[in-house]
PDB file of N, CA and C in Angstrom:
ATOM      1  N   MET A   1      39.046  45.682  63.263  1.00  0.00           N
ATOM      2  CA  MET A   1      38.505  45.104  64.460  1.00  0.00           C
ATOM      3  C   MET A   1      39.101  45.851  65.656  1.00  0.00           C
ATOM      4  N   ALA A   2      38.272  46.163  66.637  1.00  0.00           N
ATOM      5  CA  ALA A   2      38.740  46.818  67.856  1.00  0.00           C
ATOM      6  C   ALA A   2      39.364  45.783  68.782  1.00  0.00           C
ATOM      7  N   LYS A   3      40.306  46.238  69.609  1.00  0.00           N
ATOM      8  CA  LYS A   3      40.978  45.343  70.547  1.00  0.00           C
ATOM      9  C   LYS A   3      40.934  45.965  71.938  1.00  0.00           C
ATOM     10  N   ILE A   4      40.675  45.146  72.958  1.00  0.00           N
ATOM     11  CA  ILE A   4      40.631  45.615  74.339  1.00  0.00           C
ATOM     12  C   ILE A   4      41.860  45.088  75.071  1.00  0.00           C
ATOM     13  N   THR A   5      42.583  45.997  75.744  1.00  0.00           N
ATOM     14  CA  THR A   5      43.723  45.616  76.564  1.00  0.00           C
ATOM     15  C   THR A   5      43.552  46.226  77.951  1.00  0.00           C
ATOM     16  N   SER A   6      44.337  45.753  78.902  1.00  0.00           N
ATOM     17  CA  SER A   6      44.237  46.244  80.274  1.00  0.00           C
ATOM     18  C   SER A   6      45.570  46.813  80.720  1.00  0.00           C
ATOM     19  N   THR A   7      45.503  47.959  81.403  1.00  0.00           N
ATOM     20  CA  THR A   7      46.705  48.572  81.967  1.00  0.00           C
ATOM     21  C   THR A   7      46.787  48.310  83.460  1.00  0.00           C
ATOM     22  N   GLY A   8      45.907  47.490  83.981  1.00  0.00           N
ATOM     23  CA  GLY A   8      45.859  47.200  85.412  1.00  0.00           C
ATOM     24  C   GLY A   8      44.632  47.809  86.056  1.00  0.00           C
ATOM     25  N   LYS A   9      44.546  49.143  86.041  1.00  0.00           N
ATOM     26  CA  LYS A   9      43.399  49.831  86.635  1.00  0.00           C
ATOM     27  C   LYS A   9      42.367  50.252  85.588  1.00  0.00           C
ATOM     28  N   GLN A  10      42.777  50.313  84.333  1.00  0.00           N
ATOM     29  CA  GLN A  10      41.894  50.760  83.264  1.00  0.00           C
ATOM     30  C   GLN A  10      41.965  49.790  82.093  1.00  0.00           C
ATOM     31  N   PHE A  11      40.944  49.871  81.244  1.00  0.00           N
ATOM     32  CA  PHE A  11      40.945  49.123  79.992  1.00  0.00           C
ATOM     33  C   PHE A  11      41.099  50.115  78.851  1.00  0.00           C
ATOM     34  N   VAL A  12      41.785  49.690  77.803  1.00  0.00           N
ATOM     35  CA  VAL A  12      42.008  50.517  76.627  1.00  0.00           C
ATOM     36  C   VAL A  12      41.392  49.808  75.434  1.00  0.00           C
ATOM     37  N   ILE A  13      40.583  50.543  74.662  1.00  0.00           N
ATOM     38  CA  ILE A  13      39.998  50.003  73.436  1.00  0.00           C
ATOM     39  C   ILE A  13      40.732  50.633  72.262  1.00  0.00           C
ATOM     40  N   THR A  14      41.380  49.801  71.463  1.00  0.00           N
ATOM     41  CA  THR A  14      42.097  50.260  70.283  1.00  0.00           C
ATOM     42  C   THR A  14      41.159  50.136  69.085  1.00  0.00           C
ATOM     43  N   VAL A  15      40.947  51.267  68.406  1.00  0.00           N
ATOM     44  CA  VAL A  15      39.998  51.329  67.293  1.00  0.00           C
ATOM     45  C   VAL A  15      40.786  51.547  65.995  1.00  0.00           C
ATOM     46  N   PRO A  16      40.447  50.839  64.924  1.00  0.00           N
ATOM     47  CA  PRO A  16      41.149  51.009  63.652  1.00  0.00           C
ATOM     48  C   PRO A  16      41.017  52.438  63.106  1.00  0.00           C
ATOM     49  N   LYS A  17      42.068  52.880  62.418  1.00  0.00           N
ATOM     50  CA  LYS A  17      42.113  54.232  61.869  1.00  0.00           C
ATOM     51  C   LYS A  17      40.938  54.508  60.930  1.00  0.00           C
ATOM     52  N   ASP A  18      40.556  53.538  60.099  1.00  0.00           N
ATOM     53  CA  ASP A  18      39.460  53.771  59.155  1.00  0.00           C
ATOM     54  C   ASP A  18      38.134  54.020  59.882  1.00  0.00           C
ATOM     55  N   LEU A  19      37.914  53.358  61.018  1.00  0.00           N
ATOM     56  CA  LEU A  19      36.703  53.601  61.801  1.00  0.00           C
ATOM     57  C   LEU A  19      36.745  54.987  62.441  1.00  0.00           C
ATOM     58  N   MET A  20      37.915  55.391  62.923  1.00  0.00           N
ATOM     59  CA  MET A  20      38.072  56.733  63.501  1.00  0.00           C
ATOM     60  C   MET A  20      37.744  57.797  62.460  1.00  0.00           C
ATOM     61  N   GLU A  21      38.240  57.617  61.244  1.00  0.00           N
ATOM     62  CA  GLU A  21      37.969  58.565  60.165  1.00  0.00           C
ATOM     63  C   GLU A  21      36.496  58.554  59.781  1.00  0.00           C
ATOM     64  N   LEU A  22      35.884  57.378  59.720  1.00  0.00           N
ATOM     65  CA  LEU A  22      34.468  57.251  59.388  1.00  0.00           C
ATOM     66  C   LEU A  22      33.593  57.999  60.394  1.00  0.00           C
ATOM     67  N   MET A  23      33.946  57.903  61.676  1.00  0.00           N
ATOM     68  CA  MET A  23      33.169  58.547  62.734  1.00  0.00           C
ATOM     69  C   MET A  23      33.514  60.030  62.890  1.00  0.00           C
ATOM     70  N   GLY A  24      34.609  60.473  62.275  1.00  0.00           N
ATOM     71  CA  GLY A  24      35.026  61.867  62.400  1.00  0.00           C
ATOM     72  C   GLY A  24      35.712  62.161  63.730  1.00  0.00           C
ATOM     73  N   TRP A  25      36.292  61.130  64.338  1.00  0.00           N
ATOM     74  CA  TRP A  25      36.953  61.272  65.634  1.00  0.00           C
ATOM     75  C   TRP A  25      38.449  61.459  65.442  1.00  0.00           C
ATOM     76  N   ASP A  26      39.096  62.045  66.475  1.00  0.00           N
ATOM     77  CA  ASP A  26      40.552  62.104  66.513  1.00  0.00           C
ATOM     78  C   ASP A  26      41.021  61.639  67.890  1.00  0.00           C
ATOM     79  N   LYS A  27      42.310  61.752  68.173  1.00  0.00           N
ATOM     80  CA  LYS A  27      42.839  61.218  69.433  1.00  0.00           C
ATOM     81  C   LYS A  27      42.358  61.987  70.655  1.00  0.00           C
ATOM     82  N   GLU A  28      41.765  63.168  70.468  1.00  0.00           N
ATOM     83  CA  GLU A  28      41.249  63.972  71.581  1.00  0.00           C
ATOM     84  C   GLU A  28      39.768  63.707  71.854  1.00  0.00           C
ATOM     85  N   THR A  29      39.119  62.910  71.028  1.00  0.00           N
ATOM     86  CA  THR A  29      37.687  62.650  71.161  1.00  0.00           C
ATOM     87  C   THR A  29      37.397  61.814  72.401  1.00  0.00           C
ATOM     88  N   GLU A  30      36.371  62.228  73.157  1.00  0.00           N
ATOM     89  CA  GLU A  30      35.906  61.448  74.302  1.00  0.00           C
ATOM     90  C   GLU A  30      34.559  60.849  73.937  1.00  0.00           C
ATOM     91  N   ILE A  31      34.356  59.583  74.315  1.00  0.00           N
ATOM     92  CA  ILE A  31      33.107  58.901  73.988  1.00  0.00           C
ATOM     93  C   ILE A  31      32.513  58.246  75.231  1.00  0.00           C
ATOM     94  N   ILE A  32      31.238  57.923  75.129  1.00  0.00           N
ATOM     95  CA  ILE A  32      30.541  57.148  76.150  1.00  0.00           C
ATOM     96  C   ILE A  32      30.139  55.827  75.500  1.00  0.00           C
ATOM     97  N   ILE A  33      30.395  54.726  76.188  1.00  0.00           N
ATOM     98  CA  ILE A  33      29.938  53.413  75.730  1.00  0.00           C
ATOM     99  C   ILE A  33      28.903  52.939  76.732  1.00  0.00           C
ATOM    100  N   SER A  34      27.692  52.667  76.251  1.00  0.00           N
ATOM    101  CA  SER A  34      26.626  52.212  77.147  1.00  0.00           C
ATOM    102  C   SER A  34      25.937  50.996  76.538  1.00  0.00           C
ATOM    103  N   LYS A  35      25.244  50.247  77.386  1.00  0.00           N
ATOM    104  CA  LYS A  35      24.586  49.006  76.967  1.00  0.00           C
ATOM    105  C   LYS A  35      23.078  49.188  77.000  1.00  0.00           C
ATOM    106  N   TYR A  36      22.418  48.687  75.979  1.00  0.00           N
ATOM    107  CA  TYR A  36      20.961  48.680  75.934  1.00  0.00           C
ATOM    108  C   TYR A  36      20.464  47.679  76.975  1.00  0.00           C
ATOM    109  N   PRO A  37      19.567  48.088  77.875  1.00  0.00           N
ATOM    110  CA  PRO A  37      19.106  47.188  78.942  1.00  0.00           C
ATOM    111  C   PRO A  37      18.476  45.898  78.407  1.00  0.00           C
ATOM    112  N   GLY A  38      18.922  44.768  78.935  1.00  0.00           N
ATOM    113  CA  GLY A  38      18.339  43.479  78.588  1.00  0.00           C
ATOM    114  C   GLY A  38      18.782  42.892  77.262  1.00  0.00           C
ATOM    115  N   LYS A  39      19.652  43.577  76.539  1.00  0.00           N
ATOM    116  CA  LYS A  39      20.117  43.084  75.233  1.00  0.00           C
ATOM    117  C   LYS A  39      21.635  43.194  75.166  1.00  0.00           C
ATOM    118  N   ASP A  40      22.227  42.512  74.216  1.00  0.00           N
ATOM    119  CA  ASP A  40      23.672  42.609  73.995  1.00  0.00           C
ATOM    120  C   ASP A  40      23.967  43.625  72.892  1.00  0.00           C
ATOM    121  N   ILE A  41      23.483  44.848  73.090  1.00  0.00           N
ATOM    122  CA  ILE A  41      23.670  45.922  72.120  1.00  0.00           C
ATOM    123  C   ILE A  41      24.401  47.065  72.821  1.00  0.00           C
ATOM    124  N   LEU A  42      25.501  47.537  72.216  1.00  0.00           N
ATOM    125  CA  LEU A  42      26.244  48.664  72.767  1.00  0.00           C
ATOM    126  C   LEU A  42      26.020  49.909  71.929  1.00  0.00           C
ATOM    127  N   PHE A  43      25.969  51.047  72.592  1.00  0.00           N
ATOM    128  CA  PHE A  43      25.881  52.341  71.936  1.00  0.00           C
ATOM    129  C   PHE A  43      27.174  53.090  72.217  1.00  0.00           C
ATOM    130  N   ILE A  44      27.700  53.753  71.203  1.00  0.00           N
ATOM    131  CA  ILE A  44      28.901  54.567  71.367  1.00  0.00           C
ATOM    132  C   ILE A  44      28.548  55.976  70.914  1.00  0.00           C
ATOM    133  N   GLU A  45      28.701  56.943  71.831  1.00  0.00           N
ATOM    134  CA  GLU A  45      28.383  58.332  71.520  1.00  0.00           C
ATOM    135  C   GLU A  45      29.556  59.230  71.853  1.00  0.00           C
ATOM    136  N   GLU A  46      29.789  60.216  71.004  1.00  0.00           N
ATOM    137  CA  GLU A  46      30.817  61.213  71.269  1.00  0.00           C
ATOM    138  C   GLU A  46      30.297  62.193  72.314  1.00  0.00           C
ATOM    139  N   ILE A  47      31.163  62.574  73.243  1.00  0.00           N
ATOM    140  CA  ILE A  47      30.809  63.594  74.228  1.00  0.00           C
ATOM    141  C   ILE A  47      31.104  64.941  73.592  1.00  0.00           C
ATOM    142  N   LYS A  48      30.070  65.727  73.392  1.00  0.00           N
ATOM    143  CA  LYS A  48      30.241  67.051  72.796  1.00  0.00           C
ATOM    144  C   LYS A  48      30.709  68.015  73.875  1.00  0.00           C
ATOM    145  N   ARG A  49      31.757  68.744  73.595  1.00  0.00           N
ATOM    146  CA  ARG A  49      32.297  69.718  74.547  1.00  0.00           C
ATOM    147  C   ARG A  49      31.790  71.106  74.196  1.00  0.00           C
ATOM    148  N   LYS A  50      31.491  71.872  75.228  1.00  0.00           N
ATOM    149  CA  LYS A  50      31.093  73.262  75.014  1.00  0.00           C
ATOM    150  C   LYS A  50      32.345  74.088  74.759  1.00  0.00           C
ATOM    151  N   LYS A  51      32.266  74.956  73.764  1.00  0.00           N
ATOM    152  CA  LYS A  51      33.400  75.828  73.470  1.00  0.00           C
ATOM    153  C   LYS A  51      33.331  77.038  74.393  1.00  0.00           C
ATOM    154  N   ASN A  52      34.479  77.437  74.921  1.00  0.00           N
ATOM    155  CA  ASN A  52      34.534  78.596  75.815  1.00  0.00           C
ATOM    156  C   ASN A  52      34.300  79.871  75.029  1.00  0.00           C
ATOM    157  N   ALA A  53      33.490  80.757  75.596  1.00  0.00           N
ATOM    158  CA  ALA A  53      33.247  82.059  74.967  1.00  0.00           C
ATOM    159  C   ALA A  53      34.490  82.921  75.146  1.00  0.00           C
ATOM    160  N   GLU A  54      34.851  83.616  74.089  1.00  0.00           N
ATOM    161  CA  GLU A  54      36.055  84.461  74.160  1.00  0.00           C
ATOM    162  C   GLU A  54      35.682  85.896  74.307  1.00  0.00           C
TER     163      GLU A  54
END
């Protein structure tokens, strides 16, 4: 189960390790959480980063 805490200016969502592994995320992963209009449905998407050309 995920847990939401507050640091004062920001909120932190703690996600279980098994869910992180299932999604293929690590501690450096950035995500977007958005709400479906008019419903109580949330979408969570990973922000894909462009790799710098070398």
